[in-house]
């Protein structure tokens, strides 16, 4: 479910995943004014 400025909608998706235990380093990037959430666990990167 996407909660966007223009409304809320539901959809389906698919992806491949990497277990967090495989991660050596992670860097979150964002647009400063538009940050809404971190897309990885805070154990990997708690900031951006």
ModelCIF file with pLDDT and N, C-alpha, C, O atoms, coordinates in Angstrom:
data_MODEL
#
_entry.id   MODEL 
#
_entity.id                         1 
_entity.type                       polymer 
_entity.pdbx_number_of_molecules   1 
#
_entity_poly.entity_id                      1 
_entity_poly.type                           'polypeptide(L)' 
_entity_poly.nstd_linkage                   no 
_entity_poly.nstd_monomer                   no 
_entity_poly.pdbx_seq_one_letter_code       
;(UNK)(UNK)(UNK)(UNK)(UNK)(UNK)(UNK)(UNK)(UNK)(UNK)(UNK)(UNK)(UNK)(UNK)(UNK)(UNK)
(UNK)(UNK)(UNK)(UNK)(UNK)(UNK)(UNK)(UNK)(UNK)(UNK)(UNK)(UNK)(UNK)(UNK)(UNK)(UNK)
(UNK)(UNK)(UNK)(UNK)(UNK)(UNK)(UNK)(UNK)(UNK)(UNK)(UNK)(UNK)(UNK)(UNK)(UNK)(UNK)
;
_entity_poly.pdbx_seq_one_letter_code_can   XXXXXXXXXXXXXXXXXXXXXXXXXXXXXXXXXXXXXXXXXXXXXXXX 
_entity_poly.pdbx_strand_id                 A 
#
loop_
_entity_poly_seq.entity_id 
_entity_poly_seq.num 
_entity_poly_seq.mon_id 
_entity_poly_seq.hetero 
1 1  UNK n 
1 2  UNK n 
1 3  UNK n 
1 4  UNK n 
1 5  UNK n 
1 6  UNK n 
1 7  UNK n 
1 8  UNK n 
1 9  UNK n 
1 10 UNK n 
1 11 UNK n 
1 12 UNK n 
1 13 UNK n 
1 14 UNK n 
1 15 UNK n 
1 16 UNK n 
1 17 UNK n 
1 18 UNK n 
1 19 UNK n 
1 20 UNK n 
1 21 UNK n 
1 22 UNK n 
1 23 UNK n 
1 24 UNK n 
1 25 UNK n 
1 26 UNK n 
1 27 UNK n 
1 28 UNK n 
1 29 UNK n 
1 30 UNK n 
1 31 UNK n 
1 32 UNK n 
1 33 UNK n 
1 34 UNK n 
1 35 UNK n 
1 36 UNK n 
1 37 UNK n 
1 38 UNK n 
1 39 UNK n 
1 40 UNK n 
1 41 UNK n 
1 42 UNK n 
1 43 UNK n 
1 44 UNK n 
1 45 UNK n 
1 46 UNK n 
1 47 UNK n 
1 48 UNK n 
#
_struct_asym.id          A 
_struct_asym.entity_id   1 
#
loop_
_ma_qa_metric.id 
_ma_qa_metric.mode 
_ma_qa_metric.name 
_ma_qa_metric.software_group_id 
_ma_qa_metric.type 
1 global pLDDT . pLDDT 
2 local  pLDDT . pLDDT 
#
_ma_qa_metric_global.metric_id      1 
_ma_qa_metric_global.metric_value   90.58 
_ma_qa_metric_global.model_id       1 
_ma_qa_metric_global.ordinal_id     1 
#
loop_
_ma_qa_metric_local.label_asym_id 
_ma_qa_metric_local.label_comp_id 
_ma_qa_metric_local.label_seq_id 
_ma_qa_metric_local.metric_id 
_ma_qa_metric_local.metric_value 
_ma_qa_metric_local.model_id 
_ma_qa_metric_local.ordinal_id 
A UNK 1  2 88.00 1 1  
A UNK 2  2 77.00 1 2  
A UNK 3  2 71.00 1 3  
A UNK 4  2 69.00 1 4  
A UNK 5  2 73.00 1 5  
A UNK 6  2 79.00 1 6  
A UNK 7  2 80.00 1 7  
A UNK 8  2 84.00 1 8  
A UNK 9  2 83.00 1 9  
A UNK 10 2 88.00 1 10 
A UNK 11 2 90.00 1 11 
A UNK 12 2 93.00 1 12 
A UNK 13 2 94.00 1 13 
A UNK 14 2 95.00 1 14 
A UNK 15 2 95.00 1 15 
A UNK 16 2 96.00 1 16 
A UNK 17 2 95.00 1 17 
A UNK 18 2 93.00 1 18 
A UNK 19 2 91.00 1 19 
A UNK 20 2 89.00 1 20 
A UNK 21 2 87.00 1 21 
A UNK 22 2 91.00 1 22 
A UNK 23 2 93.00 1 23 
A UNK 24 2 93.00 1 24 
A UNK 25 2 95.00 1 25 
A UNK 26 2 96.00 1 26 
A UNK 27 2 97.00 1 27 
A UNK 28 2 97.00 1 28 
A UNK 29 2 98.00 1 29 
A UNK 30 2 97.00 1 30 
A UNK 31 2 97.00 1 31 
A UNK 32 2 96.00 1 32 
A UNK 33 2 96.00 1 33 
A UNK 34 2 95.00 1 34 
A UNK 35 2 95.00 1 35 
A UNK 36 2 92.00 1 36 
A UNK 37 2 94.00 1 37 
A UNK 38 2 95.00 1 38 
A UNK 39 2 95.00 1 39 
A UNK 40 2 95.00 1 40 
A UNK 41 2 91.00 1 41 
A UNK 42 2 90.00 1 42 
A UNK 43 2 86.00 1 43 
A UNK 44 2 91.00 1 44 
A UNK 45 2 93.00 1 45 
A UNK 46 2 92.00 1 46 
A UNK 47 2 93.00 1 47 
A UNK 48 2 95.00 1 48 
#
loop_
_atom_site.group_PDB 
_atom_site.id 
_atom_site.type_symbol 
_atom_site.label_atom_id 
_atom_site.label_alt_id 
_atom_site.label_comp_id 
_atom_site.label_asym_id 
_atom_site.label_entity_id 
_atom_site.label_seq_id 
_atom_site.pdbx_PDB_ins_code 
_atom_site.Cartn_x 
_atom_site.Cartn_y 
_atom_site.Cartn_z 
_atom_site.occupancy 
_atom_site.B_iso_or_equiv 
_atom_site.pdbx_formal_charge 
_atom_site.auth_seq_id 
_atom_site.auth_comp_id 
_atom_site.auth_asym_id 
_atom_site.auth_atom_id 
_atom_site.pdbx_PDB_model_num 
ATOM 1   N N  . UNK A 1 1  ? 0.869  -1.173  0.000  1.00 88.00 ? 1  UNK A N  1 
ATOM 2   C CA . UNK A 1 1  ? 0.000  0.000   0.000  1.00 88.00 ? 1  UNK A CA 1 
ATOM 3   C C  . UNK A 1 1  ? 0.906  1.223   0.000  1.00 88.00 ? 1  UNK A C  1 
ATOM 4   O O  . UNK A 1 1  ? 1.763  1.363   0.872  1.00 88.00 ? 1  UNK A O  1 
ATOM 5   N N  . UNK A 1 2  ? 0.724  2.091   -0.956 1.00 77.00 ? 2  UNK A N  1 
ATOM 6   C CA . UNK A 1 2  ? 1.533  3.306   -1.064 1.00 77.00 ? 2  UNK A CA 1 
ATOM 7   C C  . UNK A 1 2  ? 0.732  4.479   -0.519 1.00 77.00 ? 2  UNK A C  1 
ATOM 8   O O  . UNK A 1 2  ? -0.384 4.752   -0.963 1.00 77.00 ? 2  UNK A O  1 
ATOM 9   N N  . UNK A 1 3  ? 1.319  5.162   0.444  1.00 71.00 ? 3  UNK A N  1 
ATOM 10  C CA . UNK A 1 3  ? 0.713  6.385   0.967  1.00 71.00 ? 3  UNK A CA 1 
ATOM 11  C C  . UNK A 1 3  ? 1.472  7.568   0.380  1.00 71.00 ? 3  UNK A C  1 
ATOM 12  O O  . UNK A 1 3  ? 2.507  7.974   0.907  1.00 71.00 ? 3  UNK A O  1 
ATOM 13  N N  . UNK A 1 4  ? 0.961  8.109   -0.696 1.00 69.00 ? 4  UNK A N  1 
ATOM 14  C CA . UNK A 1 4  ? 1.630  9.193   -1.401 1.00 69.00 ? 4  UNK A CA 1 
ATOM 15  C C  . UNK A 1 4  ? 0.836  10.486  -1.263 1.00 69.00 ? 4  UNK A C  1 
ATOM 16  O O  . UNK A 1 4  ? -0.306 10.493  -0.804 1.00 69.00 ? 4  UNK A O  1 
ATOM 17  N N  . UNK A 1 5  ? 1.473  11.579  -1.674 1.00 73.00 ? 5  UNK A N  1 
ATOM 18  C CA . UNK A 1 5  ? 0.810  12.882  -1.554 1.00 73.00 ? 5  UNK A CA 1 
ATOM 19  C C  . UNK A 1 5  ? -0.471 12.943  -2.375 1.00 73.00 ? 5  UNK A C  1 
ATOM 20  O O  . UNK A 1 5  ? -1.404 13.664  -2.021 1.00 73.00 ? 5  UNK A O  1 
ATOM 21  N N  . UNK A 1 6  ? -0.520 12.193  -3.468 1.00 79.00 ? 6  UNK A N  1 
ATOM 22  C CA . UNK A 1 6  ? -1.686 12.228  -4.354 1.00 79.00 ? 6  UNK A CA 1 
ATOM 23  C C  . UNK A 1 6  ? -2.741 11.185  -4.007 1.00 79.00 ? 6  UNK A C  1 
ATOM 24  O O  . UNK A 1 6  ? -3.783 11.112  -4.659 1.00 79.00 ? 6  UNK A O  1 
ATOM 25  N N  . UNK A 1 7  ? -2.473 10.370  -2.973 1.00 80.00 ? 7  UNK A N  1 
ATOM 26  C CA . UNK A 1 7  ? -3.466 9.401   -2.563 1.00 80.00 ? 7  UNK A CA 1 
ATOM 27  C C  . UNK A 1 7  ? -2.863 8.087   -2.096 1.00 80.00 ? 7  UNK A C  1 
ATOM 28  O O  . UNK A 1 7  ? -1.642 7.943   -2.028 1.00 80.00 ? 7  UNK A O  1 
ATOM 29  N N  . UNK A 1 8  ? -3.717 7.138   -1.777 1.00 84.00 ? 8  UNK A N  1 
ATOM 30  C CA . UNK A 1 8  ? -3.316 5.821   -1.288 1.00 84.00 ? 8  UNK A CA 1 
ATOM 31  C C  . UNK A 1 8  ? -3.810 4.757   -2.253 1.00 84.00 ? 8  UNK A C  1 
ATOM 32  O O  . UNK A 1 8  ? -4.954 4.805   -2.704 1.00 84.00 ? 8  UNK A O  1 
ATOM 33  N N  . UNK A 1 9  ? -2.954 3.800   -2.568 1.00 83.00 ? 9  UNK A N  1 
ATOM 34  C CA . UNK A 1 9  ? -3.373 2.723   -3.452 1.00 83.00 ? 9  UNK A CA 1 
ATOM 35  C C  . UNK A 1 9  ? -2.629 1.437   -3.095 1.00 83.00 ? 9  UNK A C  1 
ATOM 36  O O  . UNK A 1 9  ? -1.579 1.462   -2.453 1.00 83.00 ? 9  UNK A O  1 
ATOM 37  N N  . UNK A 1 10 ? -3.203 0.312   -3.528 1.00 88.00 ? 10 UNK A N  1 
ATOM 38  C CA . UNK A 1 10 ? -2.617 -1.004  -3.250 1.00 88.00 ? 10 UNK A CA 1 
ATOM 39  C C  . UNK A 1 10 ? -2.235 -1.663  -4.560 1.00 88.00 ? 10 UNK A C  1 
ATOM 40  O O  . UNK A 1 10 ? -2.919 -1.510  -5.572 1.00 88.00 ? 10 UNK A O  1 
ATOM 41  N N  . UNK A 1 11 ? -1.120 -2.406  -4.530 1.00 90.00 ? 11 UNK A N  1 
ATOM 42  C CA . UNK A 1 11 ? -0.659 -3.080  -5.734 1.00 90.00 ? 11 UNK A CA 1 
ATOM 43  C C  . UNK A 1 11 ? 0.176  -4.301  -5.350 1.00 90.00 ? 11 UNK A C  1 
ATOM 44  O O  . UNK A 1 11 ? 0.341  -4.614  -4.171 1.00 90.00 ? 11 UNK A O  1 
ATOM 45  N N  . UNK A 1 12 ? 0.699  -4.983  -6.371 1.00 93.00 ? 12 UNK A N  1 
ATOM 46  C CA . UNK A 1 12 ? 1.531  -6.168  -6.165 1.00 93.00 ? 12 UNK A CA 1 
ATOM 47  C C  . UNK A 1 12 ? 2.913  -5.914  -6.757 1.00 93.00 ? 12 UNK A C  1 
ATOM 48  O O  . UNK A 1 12 ? 3.066  -5.101  -7.668 1.00 93.00 ? 12 UNK A O  1 
ATOM 49  N N  . UNK A 1 13 ? 3.911  -6.609  -6.238 1.00 94.00 ? 13 UNK A N  1 
ATOM 50  C CA . UNK A 1 13 ? 5.256  -6.490  -6.762 1.00 94.00 ? 13 UNK A CA 1 
ATOM 51  C C  . UNK A 1 13 ? 6.066  -7.745  -6.491 1.00 94.00 ? 13 UNK A C  1 
ATOM 52  O O  . UNK A 1 13 ? 5.608  -8.660  -5.805 1.00 94.00 ? 13 UNK A O  1 
ATOM 53  N N  . UNK A 1 14 ? 7.259  -7.777  -7.030 1.00 95.00 ? 14 UNK A N  1 
ATOM 54  C CA . UNK A 1 14 ? 8.168  -8.879  -6.753 1.00 95.00 ? 14 UNK A CA 1 
ATOM 55  C C  . UNK A 1 14 ? 9.589  -8.332  -6.729 1.00 95.00 ? 14 UNK A C  1 
ATOM 56  O O  . UNK A 1 14 ? 9.863  -7.249  -7.245 1.00 95.00 ? 14 UNK A O  1 
ATOM 57  N N  . UNK A 1 15 ? 10.484 -9.098  -6.122 1.00 95.00 ? 15 UNK A N  1 
ATOM 58  C CA . UNK A 1 15 ? 11.869 -8.636  -5.985 1.00 95.00 ? 15 UNK A CA 1 
ATOM 59  C C  . UNK A 1 15 ? 12.746 -9.820  -5.607 1.00 95.00 ? 15 UNK A C  1 
ATOM 60  O O  . UNK A 1 15 ? 12.263 -10.880 -5.207 1.00 95.00 ? 15 UNK A O  1 
ATOM 61  N N  . UNK A 1 16 ? 14.044 -9.607  -5.746 1.00 96.00 ? 16 UNK A N  1 
ATOM 62  C CA . UNK A 1 16 ? 15.030 -10.497 -5.130 1.00 96.00 ? 16 UNK A CA 1 
ATOM 63  C C  . UNK A 1 16 ? 15.524 -9.824  -3.859 1.00 96.00 ? 16 UNK A C  1 
ATOM 64  O O  . UNK A 1 16 ? 15.570 -8.597  -3.769 1.00 96.00 ? 16 UNK A O  1 
ATOM 65  N N  . UNK A 1 17 ? 15.896 -10.648 -2.869 1.00 95.00 ? 17 UNK A N  1 
ATOM 66  C CA . UNK A 1 17 ? 16.316 -10.075 -1.599 1.00 95.00 ? 17 UNK A CA 1 
ATOM 67  C C  . UNK A 1 17 ? 17.705 -10.562 -1.206 1.00 95.00 ? 17 UNK A C  1 
ATOM 68  O O  . UNK A 1 17 ? 18.133 -11.652 -1.587 1.00 95.00 ? 17 UNK A O  1 
ATOM 69  N N  . UNK A 1 18 ? 18.397 -9.729  -0.436 1.00 93.00 ? 18 UNK A N  1 
ATOM 70  C CA . UNK A 1 18 ? 19.700 -10.035 0.145  1.00 93.00 ? 18 UNK A CA 1 
ATOM 71  C C  . UNK A 1 18 ? 19.523 -10.112 1.660  1.00 93.00 ? 18 UNK A C  1 
ATOM 72  O O  . UNK A 1 18 ? 19.145 -9.107  2.263  1.00 93.00 ? 18 UNK A O  1 
ATOM 73  N N  . UNK A 1 19 ? 19.778 -11.255 2.308  1.00 91.00 ? 19 UNK A N  1 
ATOM 74  C CA . UNK A 1 19 ? 19.674 -11.306 3.778  1.00 91.00 ? 19 UNK A CA 1 
ATOM 75  C C  . UNK A 1 19 ? 20.603 -10.286 4.436  1.00 91.00 ? 19 UNK A C  1 
ATOM 76  O O  . UNK A 1 19 ? 21.725 -10.066 3.979  1.00 91.00 ? 19 UNK A O  1 
ATOM 77  N N  . UNK A 1 20 ? 20.128 -9.679  5.494  1.00 89.00 ? 20 UNK A N  1 
ATOM 78  C CA . UNK A 1 20 ? 20.928 -8.673  6.186  1.00 89.00 ? 20 UNK A CA 1 
ATOM 79  C C  . UNK A 1 20 ? 22.263 -9.226  6.678  1.00 89.00 ? 20 UNK A C  1 
ATOM 80  O O  . UNK A 1 20 ? 23.244 -8.489  6.777  1.00 89.00 ? 20 UNK A O  1 
ATOM 81  N N  . UNK A 1 21 ? 22.302 -10.511 6.984  1.00 87.00 ? 21 UNK A N  1 
ATOM 82  C CA . UNK A 1 21 ? 23.544 -11.108 7.486  1.00 87.00 ? 21 UNK A CA 1 
ATOM 83  C C  . UNK A 1 21 ? 24.623 -11.192 6.414  1.00 87.00 ? 21 UNK A C  1 
ATOM 84  O O  . UNK A 1 21 ? 25.784 -11.452 6.731  1.00 87.00 ? 21 UNK A O  1 
ATOM 85  N N  . UNK A 1 22 ? 24.260 -10.975 5.145  1.00 91.00 ? 22 UNK A N  1 
ATOM 86  C CA . UNK A 1 22 ? 25.258 -10.977 4.075  1.00 91.00 ? 22 UNK A CA 1 
ATOM 87  C C  . UNK A 1 22 ? 25.916 -9.605  3.899  1.00 91.00 ? 22 UNK A C  1 
ATOM 88  O O  . UNK A 1 22 ? 26.922 -9.484  3.199  1.00 91.00 ? 22 UNK A O  1 
ATOM 89  N N  . UNK A 1 23 ? 25.361 -8.591  4.522  1.00 93.00 ? 23 UNK A N  1 
ATOM 90  C CA . UNK A 1 23 ? 25.779 -7.218  4.243  1.00 93.00 ? 23 UNK A CA 1 
ATOM 91  C C  . UNK A 1 23 ? 27.081 -6.873  4.962  1.00 93.00 ? 23 UNK A C  1 
ATOM 92  O O  . UNK A 1 23 ? 27.223 -7.119  6.160  1.00 93.00 ? 23 UNK A O  1 
ATOM 93  N N  . UNK A 1 24 ? 28.021 -6.303  4.224  1.00 93.00 ? 24 UNK A N  1 
ATOM 94  C CA . UNK A 1 24 ? 29.279 -5.810  4.776  1.00 93.00 ? 24 UNK A CA 1 
ATOM 95  C C  . UNK A 1 24 ? 29.181 -4.316  5.056  1.00 93.00 ? 24 UNK A C  1 
ATOM 96  O O  . UNK A 1 24 ? 29.681 -3.848  6.080  1.00 93.00 ? 24 UNK A O  1 
ATOM 97  N N  . UNK A 1 25 ? 28.549 -3.565  4.167  1.00 95.00 ? 25 UNK A N  1 
ATOM 98  C CA . UNK A 1 25 ? 28.381 -2.123  4.364  1.00 95.00 ? 25 UNK A CA 1 
ATOM 99  C C  . UNK A 1 25 ? 27.145 -1.672  3.604  1.00 95.00 ? 25 UNK A C  1 
ATOM 100 O O  . UNK A 1 25 ? 26.830 -2.200  2.538  1.00 95.00 ? 25 UNK A O  1 
ATOM 101 N N  . UNK A 1 26 ? 26.448 -0.685  4.165  1.00 96.00 ? 26 UNK A N  1 
ATOM 102 C CA . UNK A 1 26 ? 25.230 -0.177  3.541  1.00 96.00 ? 26 UNK A CA 1 
ATOM 103 C C  . UNK A 1 26 ? 25.182 1.332   3.706  1.00 96.00 ? 26 UNK A C  1 
ATOM 104 O O  . UNK A 1 26 ? 25.516 1.859   4.767  1.00 96.00 ? 26 UNK A O  1 
ATOM 105 N N  . UNK A 1 27 ? 24.764 2.030   2.650  1.00 97.00 ? 27 UNK A N  1 
ATOM 106 C CA . UNK A 1 27 ? 24.652 3.491   2.689  1.00 97.00 ? 27 UNK A CA 1 
ATOM 107 C C  . UNK A 1 27 ? 23.284 3.889   2.160  1.00 97.00 ? 27 UNK A C  1 
ATOM 108 O O  . UNK A 1 27 ? 22.952 3.619   1.006  1.00 97.00 ? 27 UNK A O  1 
ATOM 109 N N  . UNK A 1 28 ? 22.486 4.537   3.016  1.00 97.00 ? 28 UNK A N  1 
ATOM 110 C CA . UNK A 1 28 ? 21.197 5.083   2.601  1.00 97.00 ? 28 UNK A CA 1 
ATOM 111 C C  . UNK A 1 28 ? 21.394 6.475   2.004  1.00 97.00 ? 28 UNK A C  1 
ATOM 112 O O  . UNK A 1 28 ? 22.063 7.322   2.596  1.00 97.00 ? 28 UNK A O  1 
ATOM 113 N N  . UNK A 1 29 ? 20.808 6.705   0.828  1.00 98.00 ? 29 UNK A N  1 
ATOM 114 C CA . UNK A 1 29 ? 20.762 8.033   0.231  1.00 98.00 ? 29 UNK A CA 1 
ATOM 115 C C  . UNK A 1 29 ? 19.312 8.505   0.203  1.00 98.00 ? 29 UNK A C  1 
ATOM 116 O O  . UNK A 1 29 ? 18.384 7.696   0.206  1.00 98.00 ? 29 UNK A O  1 
ATOM 117 N N  . UNK A 1 30 ? 19.131 9.808   0.177  1.00 97.00 ? 30 UNK A N  1 
ATOM 118 C CA . UNK A 1 30 ? 17.773 10.360  0.130  1.00 97.00 ? 30 UNK A CA 1 
ATOM 119 C C  . UNK A 1 30 ? 17.827 11.772  -0.429 1.00 97.00 ? 30 UNK A C  1 
ATOM 120 O O  . UNK A 1 30 ? 18.888 12.394  -0.476 1.00 97.00 ? 30 UNK A O  1 
ATOM 121 N N  . UNK A 1 31 ? 16.665 12.276  -0.855 1.00 97.00 ? 31 UNK A N  1 
ATOM 122 C CA . UNK A 1 31 ? 16.485 13.697  -1.147 1.00 97.00 ? 31 UNK A CA 1 
ATOM 123 C C  . UNK A 1 31 ? 16.130 14.360  0.175  1.00 97.00 ? 31 UNK A C  1 
ATOM 124 O O  . UNK A 1 31 ? 15.181 13.944  0.840  1.00 97.00 ? 31 UNK A O  1 
ATOM 125 N N  . UNK A 1 32 ? 16.874 15.375  0.560  1.00 96.00 ? 32 UNK A N  1 
ATOM 126 C CA . UNK A 1 32 ? 16.773 15.901  1.921  1.00 96.00 ? 32 UNK A CA 1 
ATOM 127 C C  . UNK A 1 32 ? 15.346 16.281  2.307  1.00 96.00 ? 32 UNK A C  1 
ATOM 128 O O  . UNK A 1 32 ? 14.897 15.937  3.401  1.00 96.00 ? 32 UNK A O  1 
ATOM 129 N N  . UNK A 1 33 ? 14.633 16.974  1.442  1.00 96.00 ? 33 UNK A N  1 
ATOM 130 C CA . UNK A 1 33 ? 13.293 17.459  1.788  1.00 96.00 ? 33 UNK A CA 1 
ATOM 131 C C  . UNK A 1 33 ? 12.222 16.377  1.706  1.00 96.00 ? 33 UNK A C  1 
ATOM 132 O O  . UNK A 1 33 ? 11.122 16.550  2.231  1.00 96.00 ? 33 UNK A O  1 
ATOM 133 N N  . UNK A 1 34 ? 12.543 15.243  1.039  1.00 95.00 ? 34 UNK A N  1 
ATOM 134 C CA . UNK A 1 34 ? 11.513 14.246  0.743  1.00 95.00 ? 34 UNK A CA 1 
ATOM 135 C C  . UNK A 1 34 ? 11.663 12.939  1.518  1.00 95.00 ? 34 UNK A C  1 
ATOM 136 O O  . UNK A 1 34 ? 10.879 12.013  1.311  1.00 95.00 ? 34 UNK A O  1 
ATOM 137 N N  . UNK A 1 35 ? 12.656 12.846  2.409  1.00 95.00 ? 35 UNK A N  1 
ATOM 138 C CA . UNK A 1 35 ? 12.870 11.583  3.127  1.00 95.00 ? 35 UNK A CA 1 
ATOM 139 C C  . UNK A 1 35 ? 11.624 11.214  3.930  1.00 95.00 ? 35 UNK A C  1 
ATOM 140 O O  . UNK A 1 35 ? 11.075 12.040  4.659  1.00 95.00 ? 35 UNK A O  1 
ATOM 141 N N  . UNK A 1 36 ? 11.181 9.950   3.785  1.00 92.00 ? 36 UNK A N  1 
ATOM 142 C CA . UNK A 1 36 ? 10.015 9.456   4.520  1.00 92.00 ? 36 UNK A CA 1 
ATOM 143 C C  . UNK A 1 36 ? 10.347 8.239   5.386  1.00 92.00 ? 36 UNK A C  1 
ATOM 144 O O  . UNK A 1 36 ? 9.742  8.050   6.441  1.00 92.00 ? 36 UNK A O  1 
ATOM 145 N N  . UNK A 1 37 ? 11.301 7.416   4.949  1.00 94.00 ? 37 UNK A N  1 
ATOM 146 C CA . UNK A 1 37 ? 11.658 6.218   5.713  1.00 94.00 ? 37 UNK A CA 1 
ATOM 147 C C  . UNK A 1 37 ? 12.977 5.667   5.188  1.00 94.00 ? 37 UNK A C  1 
ATOM 148 O O  . UNK A 1 37 ? 13.387 5.986   4.072  1.00 94.00 ? 37 UNK A O  1 
ATOM 149 N N  . UNK A 1 38 ? 13.633 4.847   5.983  1.00 95.00 ? 38 UNK A N  1 
ATOM 150 C CA . UNK A 1 38 ? 14.803 4.110   5.533  1.00 95.00 ? 38 UNK A CA 1 
ATOM 151 C C  . UNK A 1 38 ? 14.364 2.745   5.022  1.00 95.00 ? 38 UNK A C  1 
ATOM 152 O O  . UNK A 1 38 ? 13.562 2.065   5.663  1.00 95.00 ? 38 UNK A O  1 
ATOM 153 N N  . UNK A 1 39 ? 14.889 2.345   3.866  1.00 95.00 ? 39 UNK A N  1 
ATOM 154 C CA . UNK A 1 39 ? 14.420 1.127   3.196  1.00 95.00 ? 39 UNK A CA 1 
ATOM 155 C C  . UNK A 1 39 ? 15.237 -0.095  3.598  1.00 95.00 ? 39 UNK A C  1 
ATOM 156 O O  . UNK A 1 39 ? 15.050 -1.173  3.034  1.00 95.00 ? 39 UNK A O  1 
ATOM 157 N N  . UNK A 1 40 ? 16.140 0.059   4.565  1.00 95.00 ? 40 UNK A N  1 
ATOM 158 C CA . UNK A 1 40 ? 16.888 -1.076  5.099  1.00 95.00 ? 40 UNK A CA 1 
ATOM 159 C C  . UNK A 1 40 ? 16.806 -1.028  6.620  1.00 95.00 ? 40 UNK A C  1 
ATOM 160 O O  . UNK A 1 40 ? 16.442 -0.006  7.203  1.00 95.00 ? 40 UNK A O  1 
ATOM 161 N N  . UNK A 1 41 ? 17.147 -2.136  7.247  1.00 91.00 ? 41 UNK A N  1 
ATOM 162 C CA . UNK A 1 41 ? 17.110 -2.233  8.706  1.00 91.00 ? 41 UNK A CA 1 
ATOM 163 C C  . UNK A 1 41 ? 18.063 -1.225  9.341  1.00 91.00 ? 41 UNK A C  1 
ATOM 164 O O  . UNK A 1 41 ? 19.143 -0.980  8.803  1.00 91.00 ? 41 UNK A O  1 
ATOM 165 N N  . UNK A 1 42 ? 17.682 -0.631  10.485 1.00 90.00 ? 42 UNK A N  1 
ATOM 166 C CA . UNK A 1 42 ? 18.593 0.302   11.172 1.00 90.00 ? 42 UNK A CA 1 
ATOM 167 C C  . UNK A 1 42 ? 19.864 -0.375  11.676 1.00 90.00 ? 42 UNK A C  1 
ATOM 168 O O  . UNK A 1 42 ? 20.833 0.313   11.998 1.00 90.00 ? 42 UNK A O  1 
ATOM 169 N N  . UNK A 1 43 ? 19.883 -1.693  11.752 1.00 86.00 ? 43 UNK A N  1 
ATOM 170 C CA . UNK A 1 43 ? 21.120 -2.381  12.132 1.00 86.00 ? 43 UNK A CA 1 
ATOM 171 C C  . UNK A 1 43 ? 22.168 -2.274  11.035 1.00 86.00 ? 43 UNK A C  1 
ATOM 172 O O  . UNK A 1 43 ? 23.361 -2.424  11.302 1.00 86.00 ? 43 UNK A O  1 
ATOM 173 N N  . UNK A 1 44 ? 21.734 -2.015  9.794  1.00 91.00 ? 44 UNK A N  1 
ATOM 174 C CA . UNK A 1 44 ? 22.656 -1.843  8.671  1.00 91.00 ? 44 UNK A CA 1 
ATOM 175 C C  . UNK A 1 44 ? 23.025 -0.380  8.473  1.00 91.00 ? 44 UNK A C  1 
ATOM 176 O O  . UNK A 1 44 ? 24.190 -0.057  8.240  1.00 91.00 ? 44 UNK A O  1 
ATOM 177 N N  . UNK A 1 45 ? 22.052 0.493   8.564  1.00 93.00 ? 45 UNK A N  1 
ATOM 178 C CA . UNK A 1 45 ? 22.291 1.931   8.460  1.00 93.00 ? 45 UNK A CA 1 
ATOM 179 C C  . UNK A 1 45 ? 21.117 2.647   9.115  1.00 93.00 ? 45 UNK A C  1 
ATOM 180 O O  . UNK A 1 45 ? 19.987 2.586   8.628  1.00 93.00 ? 45 UNK A O  1 
ATOM 181 N N  . UNK A 1 46 ? 21.395 3.322   10.215 1.00 92.00 ? 46 UNK A N  1 
ATOM 182 C CA . UNK A 1 46 ? 20.324 3.992   10.950 1.00 92.00 ? 46 UNK A CA 1 
ATOM 183 C C  . UNK A 1 46 ? 20.132 5.439   10.516 1.00 92.00 ? 46 UNK A C  1 
ATOM 184 O O  . UNK A 1 46 ? 19.272 6.137   11.052 1.00 92.00 ? 46 UNK A O  1 
ATOM 185 N N  . UNK A 1 47 ? 20.928 5.895   9.546  1.00 93.00 ? 47 UNK A N  1 
ATOM 186 C CA . UNK A 1 47 ? 20.792 7.269   9.062  1.00 93.00 ? 47 UNK A CA 1 
ATOM 187 C C  . UNK A 1 47 ? 20.730 7.321   7.550  1.00 93.00 ? 47 UNK A C  1 
ATOM 188 O O  . UNK A 1 47 ? 20.430 6.320   6.900  1.00 93.00 ? 47 UNK A O  1 
ATOM 189 N N  . UNK A 1 48 ? 21.014 8.492   6.984  1.00 95.00 ? 48 UNK A N  1 
ATOM 190 C CA . UNK A 1 48 ? 21.048 8.658   5.536  1.00 95.00 ? 48 UNK A CA 1 
ATOM 191 C C  . UNK A 1 48 ? 21.830 9.926   5.201  1.00 95.00 ? 48 UNK A C  1 
ATOM 192 O O  . UNK A 1 48 ? 21.986 10.264  4.028  1.00 95.00 ? 48 UNK A O  1 
#
